[in-house]
Amino acid sequence: MKKTIFLLTLLAAFNIQAQSLKSMTDQVSDKVESADQGSFIDKFSGDQVRKWTKKLNLSESQQSQITSLVVSQLKSDKFQKIISGFTPDKLLSGAANKEVSKALNNDKEFKASMNEVLTDEQKEKVNKLDSKM
């Protein structure tokens, strides 16, 4: 009888330990995925703003404003769904950049916000670039 109680106690302890380990693994996995998305957003926004700065000759103030626009857009539910569709490896390797960039450039809300920051001359350049795509 003592052996049975001991075995049941041991089994219960093992089960509790396994559940605890599973929840810890899930938490770490969620944090890693979140960090990967955060790293992607930071890297992607920096790359986009550098690209637009080169093409549109953005001022420092415009760069700052557009960086904020890109980051807020990428943190929106719409873009979080797009970003979460990629594996962390694809996010960090840059394989997702083209698709996210295309979605961003086609987003009407983002375009309207960006137009508020750009000069008329820069808007013309953007329109020319859009017509080439």
N, C-alpha and C. Protein backbone atom coordinates (compact mmCIF):
# COMPACT_ATOMS: atom_id res chain seq x y z
N MET A 1 0.83 -1.18 0.00
CA MET A 1 0.00 0.00 0.00
C MET A 1 0.88 1.26 0.00
N LYS A 2 1.95 1.25 0.79
CA LYS A 2 2.84 2.40 0.86
C LYS A 2 3.51 2.65 -0.50
N LYS A 3 3.84 1.55 -1.17
CA LYS A 3 4.46 1.67 -2.49
C LYS A 3 3.50 2.30 -3.49
N THR A 4 2.23 1.92 -3.42
CA THR A 4 1.21 2.47 -4.32
C THR A 4 1.04 3.97 -4.08
N ILE A 5 0.95 4.36 -2.83
CA ILE A 5 0.81 5.78 -2.49
C ILE A 5 2.04 6.55 -2.94
N PHE A 6 3.21 5.96 -2.69
CA PHE A 6 4.45 6.59 -3.12
C PHE A 6 4.48 6.77 -4.65
N LEU A 7 4.08 5.74 -5.40
CA LEU A 7 4.06 5.81 -6.87
C LEU A 7 3.05 6.84 -7.36
N LEU A 8 1.88 6.89 -6.74
CA LEU A 8 0.87 7.88 -7.13
C LEU A 8 1.36 9.30 -6.85
N THR A 9 2.01 9.49 -5.72
CA THR A 9 2.56 10.80 -5.37
C THR A 9 3.65 11.19 -6.37
N LEU A 10 4.49 10.25 -6.69
CA LEU A 10 5.56 10.49 -7.66
C LEU A 10 4.99 10.83 -9.04
N LEU A 11 3.98 10.10 -9.45
CA LEU A 11 3.32 10.35 -10.73
C LEU A 11 2.68 11.74 -10.76
N ALA A 12 2.00 12.10 -9.68
CA ALA A 12 1.37 13.42 -9.59
C ALA A 12 2.42 14.53 -9.67
N ALA A 13 3.52 14.34 -8.96
CA ALA A 13 4.59 15.33 -8.98
C ALA A 13 5.18 15.46 -10.38
N PHE A 14 5.37 14.34 -11.05
CA PHE A 14 5.89 14.35 -12.42
C PHE A 14 4.94 15.07 -13.37
N ASN A 15 3.65 14.81 -13.21
CA ASN A 15 2.63 15.44 -14.05
C ASN A 15 2.62 16.95 -13.85
N ILE A 16 2.69 17.39 -12.61
CA ILE A 16 2.72 18.83 -12.30
C ILE A 16 3.98 19.46 -12.89
N GLN A 17 5.10 18.78 -12.77
CA GLN A 17 6.37 19.29 -13.31
C GLN A 17 6.28 19.41 -14.83
N ALA A 18 5.68 18.42 -15.50
CA ALA A 18 5.55 18.44 -16.95
C ALA A 18 4.66 19.59 -17.39
N GLN A 19 3.57 19.83 -16.67
CA GLN A 19 2.68 20.94 -17.01
C GLN A 19 3.40 22.27 -16.83
N SER A 20 4.16 22.39 -15.77
CA SER A 20 4.91 23.61 -15.50
C SER A 20 5.94 23.86 -16.61
N LEU A 21 6.63 22.80 -16.99
CA LEU A 21 7.63 22.90 -18.06
C LEU A 21 6.98 23.31 -19.37
N LYS A 22 5.81 22.76 -19.66
CA LYS A 22 5.08 23.09 -20.89
C LYS A 22 4.68 24.57 -20.89
N SER A 23 4.17 25.07 -19.78
CA SER A 23 3.76 26.48 -19.73
C SER A 23 4.97 27.40 -19.84
N MET A 24 6.10 27.00 -19.24
CA MET A 24 7.31 27.82 -19.36
C MET A 24 7.80 27.83 -20.80
N THR A 25 7.75 26.70 -21.47
CA THR A 25 8.16 26.61 -22.87
C THR A 25 7.28 27.49 -23.74
N ASP A 26 5.98 27.47 -23.49
CA ASP A 26 5.06 28.31 -24.25
C ASP A 26 5.35 29.79 -24.03
N GLN A 27 5.65 30.17 -22.79
CA GLN A 27 5.95 31.57 -22.49
C GLN A 27 7.22 32.02 -23.19
N VAL A 28 8.24 31.18 -23.16
CA VAL A 28 9.50 31.53 -23.83
C VAL A 28 9.28 31.63 -25.33
N SER A 29 8.52 30.70 -25.88
CA SER A 29 8.24 30.72 -27.31
C SER A 29 7.51 32.01 -27.71
N ASP A 30 6.52 32.41 -26.90
CA ASP A 30 5.78 33.64 -27.17
C ASP A 30 6.69 34.86 -27.11
N LYS A 31 7.60 34.88 -26.12
CA LYS A 31 8.52 36.02 -25.98
C LYS A 31 9.51 36.07 -27.13
N VAL A 32 10.00 34.92 -27.57
CA VAL A 32 10.94 34.89 -28.69
C VAL A 32 10.25 35.37 -29.96
N GLU A 33 9.03 34.90 -30.19
CA GLU A 33 8.29 35.32 -31.38
C GLU A 33 8.02 36.82 -31.33
N SER A 34 7.65 37.33 -30.16
CA SER A 34 7.40 38.76 -30.00
C SER A 34 8.68 39.56 -30.24
N ALA A 35 9.80 39.06 -29.73
CA ALA A 35 11.08 39.74 -29.94
C ALA A 35 11.46 39.73 -31.41
N ASP A 36 11.20 38.61 -32.09
CA ASP A 36 11.50 38.52 -33.52
C ASP A 36 10.67 39.53 -34.30
N GLN A 37 9.38 39.67 -33.95
CA GLN A 37 8.54 40.65 -34.63
C GLN A 37 9.01 42.06 -34.33
N GLY A 38 9.39 42.31 -33.08
CA GLY A 38 9.90 43.63 -32.71
C GLY A 38 11.18 43.96 -33.45
N SER A 39 12.08 42.99 -33.56
CA SER A 39 13.33 43.18 -34.30
C SER A 39 13.03 43.44 -35.77
N PHE A 40 12.07 42.70 -36.29
CA PHE A 40 11.69 42.89 -37.70
C PHE A 40 11.15 44.29 -37.92
N ILE A 41 10.27 44.74 -37.05
CA ILE A 41 9.68 46.07 -37.20
C ILE A 41 10.75 47.15 -37.15
N ASP A 42 11.67 47.05 -36.21
CA ASP A 42 12.74 48.04 -36.10
C ASP A 42 13.63 48.05 -37.34
N LYS A 43 14.03 46.87 -37.77
CA LYS A 43 14.91 46.75 -38.93
C LYS A 43 14.19 47.20 -40.20
N PHE A 44 12.96 46.73 -40.37
CA PHE A 44 12.19 47.06 -41.56
C PHE A 44 11.94 48.56 -41.66
N SER A 45 11.51 49.17 -40.56
CA SER A 45 11.21 50.61 -40.60
C SER A 45 12.47 51.40 -40.92
N GLY A 46 13.59 51.02 -40.33
CA GLY A 46 14.86 51.69 -40.62
C GLY A 46 15.24 51.56 -42.09
N ASP A 47 15.10 50.36 -42.63
CA ASP A 47 15.43 50.12 -44.04
C ASP A 47 14.53 50.93 -44.97
N GLN A 48 13.23 50.94 -44.66
CA GLN A 48 12.27 51.68 -45.49
C GLN A 48 12.58 53.18 -45.50
N VAL A 49 12.82 53.71 -44.32
CA VAL A 49 13.08 55.16 -44.22
C VAL A 49 14.39 55.52 -44.93
N ARG A 50 15.40 54.67 -44.80
CA ARG A 50 16.66 54.93 -45.53
C ARG A 50 16.42 54.92 -47.04
N LYS A 51 15.63 53.97 -47.50
CA LYS A 51 15.32 53.87 -48.93
C LYS A 51 14.56 55.12 -49.40
N TRP A 52 13.55 55.53 -48.64
CA TRP A 52 12.78 56.72 -49.03
C TRP A 52 13.62 57.99 -48.90
N THR A 53 14.50 58.04 -47.91
CA THR A 53 15.37 59.20 -47.76
C THR A 53 16.24 59.37 -48.99
N LYS A 54 16.77 58.28 -49.47
CA LYS A 54 17.62 58.31 -50.66
C LYS A 54 16.82 58.73 -51.90
N LYS A 55 15.62 58.18 -52.05
CA LYS A 55 14.81 58.47 -53.25
C LYS A 55 14.15 59.84 -53.20
N LEU A 56 13.75 60.26 -51.99
CA LEU A 56 12.94 61.48 -51.87
C LEU A 56 13.67 62.63 -51.20
N ASN A 57 14.90 62.41 -50.78
CA ASN A 57 15.67 63.44 -50.08
C ASN A 57 14.89 63.97 -48.87
N LEU A 58 14.55 63.08 -47.96
CA LEU A 58 13.78 63.45 -46.78
C LEU A 58 14.65 64.22 -45.78
N SER A 59 14.04 65.18 -45.13
CA SER A 59 14.74 65.90 -44.06
C SER A 59 14.75 65.02 -42.81
N GLU A 60 15.54 65.43 -41.82
CA GLU A 60 15.59 64.66 -40.57
C GLU A 60 14.22 64.61 -39.89
N SER A 61 13.52 65.72 -39.93
CA SER A 61 12.19 65.78 -39.34
C SER A 61 11.24 64.81 -40.06
N GLN A 62 11.30 64.80 -41.38
CA GLN A 62 10.46 63.89 -42.15
C GLN A 62 10.82 62.43 -41.86
N GLN A 63 12.11 62.16 -41.74
CA GLN A 63 12.55 60.80 -41.44
C GLN A 63 11.96 60.33 -40.11
N SER A 64 12.00 61.19 -39.13
CA SER A 64 11.47 60.86 -37.82
C SER A 64 9.96 60.60 -37.88
N GLN A 65 9.25 61.49 -38.58
CA GLN A 65 7.80 61.35 -38.69
C GLN A 65 7.42 60.08 -39.45
N ILE A 66 8.14 59.80 -40.53
CA ILE A 66 7.82 58.63 -41.34
C ILE A 66 8.19 57.35 -40.60
N THR A 67 9.27 57.38 -39.84
CA THR A 67 9.62 56.21 -39.02
C THR A 67 8.48 55.91 -38.06
N SER A 68 7.95 56.93 -37.41
CA SER A 68 6.83 56.73 -36.49
C SER A 68 5.61 56.18 -37.21
N LEU A 69 5.36 56.69 -38.41
CA LEU A 69 4.22 56.19 -39.21
C LEU A 69 4.39 54.71 -39.55
N VAL A 70 5.58 54.35 -40.00
CA VAL A 70 5.84 52.96 -40.39
C VAL A 70 5.69 52.04 -39.18
N VAL A 71 6.30 52.43 -38.06
CA VAL A 71 6.24 51.59 -36.86
C VAL A 71 4.80 51.43 -36.39
N SER A 72 4.04 52.52 -36.34
CA SER A 72 2.65 52.42 -35.87
C SER A 72 1.82 51.58 -36.83
N GLN A 73 2.09 51.69 -38.12
CA GLN A 73 1.36 50.90 -39.10
C GLN A 73 1.69 49.41 -38.94
N LEU A 74 2.96 49.10 -38.76
CA LEU A 74 3.37 47.70 -38.61
C LEU A 74 2.87 47.08 -37.31
N LYS A 75 2.58 47.90 -36.32
CA LYS A 75 2.05 47.40 -35.06
C LYS A 75 0.52 47.29 -35.08
N SER A 76 -0.10 47.75 -36.16
CA SER A 76 -1.57 47.65 -36.27
C SER A 76 -1.97 46.19 -36.46
N ASP A 77 -3.23 45.90 -36.14
CA ASP A 77 -3.74 44.53 -36.25
C ASP A 77 -3.57 43.97 -37.66
N LYS A 78 -3.84 44.81 -38.65
CA LYS A 78 -3.76 44.37 -40.04
C LYS A 78 -2.35 43.87 -40.37
N PHE A 79 -1.35 44.63 -40.00
CA PHE A 79 0.02 44.24 -40.32
C PHE A 79 0.55 43.17 -39.37
N GLN A 80 0.05 43.12 -38.15
CA GLN A 80 0.46 42.05 -37.24
C GLN A 80 0.00 40.69 -37.78
N LYS A 81 -1.16 40.67 -38.43
CA LYS A 81 -1.63 39.42 -39.05
C LYS A 81 -0.69 39.02 -40.18
N ILE A 82 -0.29 39.98 -40.98
CA ILE A 82 0.63 39.70 -42.09
C ILE A 82 1.97 39.22 -41.55
N ILE A 83 2.51 39.93 -40.58
CA ILE A 83 3.82 39.61 -40.03
C ILE A 83 3.80 38.25 -39.33
N SER A 84 2.72 37.96 -38.61
CA SER A 84 2.66 36.69 -37.88
C SER A 84 2.55 35.50 -38.83
N GLY A 85 2.25 35.74 -40.10
CA GLY A 85 2.20 34.67 -41.08
C GLY A 85 3.57 34.17 -41.50
N PHE A 86 4.61 34.86 -41.09
CA PHE A 86 5.98 34.47 -41.44
C PHE A 86 6.66 33.81 -40.25
N THR A 87 7.54 32.89 -40.55
CA THR A 87 8.34 32.27 -39.49
C THR A 87 9.36 33.30 -39.01
N PRO A 88 9.85 33.15 -37.78
CA PRO A 88 10.88 34.08 -37.30
C PRO A 88 12.11 34.12 -38.21
N ASP A 89 12.48 32.98 -38.77
CA ASP A 89 13.64 32.94 -39.68
C ASP A 89 13.41 33.83 -40.89
N LYS A 90 12.21 33.76 -41.47
CA LYS A 90 11.91 34.57 -42.65
C LYS A 90 11.87 36.05 -42.30
N LEU A 91 11.37 36.35 -41.11
CA LEU A 91 11.32 37.76 -40.69
C LEU A 91 12.72 38.33 -40.56
N LEU A 92 13.60 37.61 -39.90
CA LEU A 92 14.93 38.14 -39.63
C LEU A 92 15.86 38.06 -40.83
N SER A 93 15.58 37.14 -41.76
CA SER A 93 16.45 37.02 -42.94
C SER A 93 16.09 38.04 -44.01
N GLY A 94 14.93 38.67 -43.88
CA GLY A 94 14.53 39.68 -44.87
C GLY A 94 13.62 39.12 -45.94
N ALA A 95 13.28 37.84 -45.86
CA ALA A 95 12.42 37.23 -46.88
C ALA A 95 11.01 37.83 -46.87
N ALA A 96 10.59 38.38 -45.76
CA ALA A 96 9.25 38.95 -45.64
C ALA A 96 9.19 40.41 -46.09
N ASN A 97 10.35 41.03 -46.26
CA ASN A 97 10.39 42.47 -46.54
C ASN A 97 9.58 42.87 -47.76
N LYS A 98 9.73 42.13 -48.84
CA LYS A 98 9.06 42.51 -50.09
C LYS A 98 7.54 42.51 -49.93
N GLU A 99 7.03 41.47 -49.30
CA GLU A 99 5.59 41.36 -49.13
C GLU A 99 5.04 42.43 -48.18
N VAL A 100 5.74 42.67 -47.09
CA VAL A 100 5.29 43.68 -46.13
C VAL A 100 5.42 45.07 -46.74
N SER A 101 6.48 45.30 -47.49
CA SER A 101 6.69 46.58 -48.15
C SER A 101 5.57 46.86 -49.15
N LYS A 102 5.22 45.86 -49.90
CA LYS A 102 4.14 46.00 -50.89
C LYS A 102 2.82 46.32 -50.19
N ALA A 103 2.52 45.61 -49.11
CA ALA A 103 1.29 45.86 -48.36
C ALA A 103 1.29 47.26 -47.77
N LEU A 104 2.43 47.70 -47.28
CA LEU A 104 2.54 49.04 -46.69
C LEU A 104 2.33 50.11 -47.76
N ASN A 105 2.99 49.95 -48.88
CA ASN A 105 2.89 50.95 -49.96
C ASN A 105 1.50 51.00 -50.58
N ASN A 106 0.74 49.92 -50.47
CA ASN A 106 -0.61 49.89 -51.02
C ASN A 106 -1.69 50.26 -50.01
N ASP A 107 -1.29 50.50 -48.78
CA ASP A 107 -2.24 50.83 -47.73
C ASP A 107 -2.67 52.30 -47.84
N LYS A 108 -3.95 52.53 -48.06
CA LYS A 108 -4.47 53.89 -48.27
C LYS A 108 -4.25 54.78 -47.05
N GLU A 109 -4.47 54.24 -45.87
CA GLU A 109 -4.29 55.01 -44.64
C GLU A 109 -2.83 55.47 -44.49
N PHE A 110 -1.91 54.56 -44.78
CA PHE A 110 -0.49 54.90 -44.68
C PHE A 110 -0.13 55.95 -45.72
N LYS A 111 -0.60 55.77 -46.95
CA LYS A 111 -0.30 56.74 -48.01
C LYS A 111 -0.80 58.13 -47.64
N ALA A 112 -2.01 58.20 -47.10
CA ALA A 112 -2.57 59.49 -46.71
C ALA A 112 -1.74 60.15 -45.61
N SER A 113 -1.33 59.35 -44.64
CA SER A 113 -0.50 59.89 -43.55
C SER A 113 0.85 60.34 -44.07
N MET A 114 1.42 59.57 -44.97
CA MET A 114 2.73 59.91 -45.51
C MET A 114 2.64 61.19 -46.36
N ASN A 115 1.55 61.35 -47.10
CA ASN A 115 1.37 62.55 -47.91
C ASN A 115 1.32 63.82 -47.07
N GLU A 116 0.87 63.70 -45.83
CA GLU A 116 0.84 64.86 -44.94
C GLU A 116 2.25 65.31 -44.56
N VAL A 117 3.20 64.40 -44.64
CA VAL A 117 4.58 64.69 -44.25
C VAL A 117 5.41 65.20 -45.44
N LEU A 118 5.08 64.74 -46.64
CA LEU A 118 5.88 65.04 -47.83
C LEU A 118 5.57 66.42 -48.42
N THR A 119 6.56 66.97 -49.10
CA THR A 119 6.36 68.21 -49.86
C THR A 119 5.69 67.84 -51.19
N ASP A 120 5.22 68.84 -51.92
CA ASP A 120 4.58 68.59 -53.21
C ASP A 120 5.55 67.92 -54.19
N GLU A 121 6.79 68.37 -54.16
CA GLU A 121 7.81 67.79 -55.04
C GLU A 121 8.04 66.31 -54.71
N GLN A 122 8.09 66.00 -53.43
CA GLN A 122 8.29 64.61 -53.01
C GLN A 122 7.08 63.75 -53.37
N LYS A 123 5.88 64.33 -53.26
CA LYS A 123 4.66 63.60 -53.63
C LYS A 123 4.70 63.24 -55.11
N GLU A 124 5.18 64.16 -55.95
CA GLU A 124 5.30 63.89 -57.39
C GLU A 124 6.25 62.73 -57.64
N LYS A 125 7.38 62.72 -56.92
CA LYS A 125 8.34 61.63 -57.06
C LYS A 125 7.70 60.29 -56.67
N VAL A 126 6.93 60.31 -55.59
CA VAL A 126 6.25 59.08 -55.14
C VAL A 126 5.28 58.61 -56.21
N ASN A 127 4.52 59.54 -56.78
CA ASN A 127 3.57 59.17 -57.82
C ASN A 127 4.27 58.57 -59.04
N LYS A 128 5.42 59.12 -59.39
CA LYS A 128 6.20 58.58 -60.52
C LYS A 128 6.70 57.18 -60.19
N LEU A 129 7.16 56.99 -58.96
CA LEU A 129 7.65 55.67 -58.55
C LEU A 129 6.51 54.66 -58.53
N ASP A 130 5.32 55.10 -58.07
CA ASP A 130 4.16 54.19 -58.02
C ASP A 130 3.71 53.78 -59.41
N SER A 131 3.80 54.72 -60.36
CA SER A 131 3.36 54.41 -61.73
C SER A 131 4.32 53.44 -62.41
N LYS A 132 5.58 53.40 -61.98
CA LYS A 132 6.55 52.45 -62.55
C LYS A 132 6.32 51.04 -62.04
N MET A 133 5.70 50.91 -60.88
CA MET A 133 5.49 49.59 -60.28
C MET A 133 4.40 48.89 -60.95
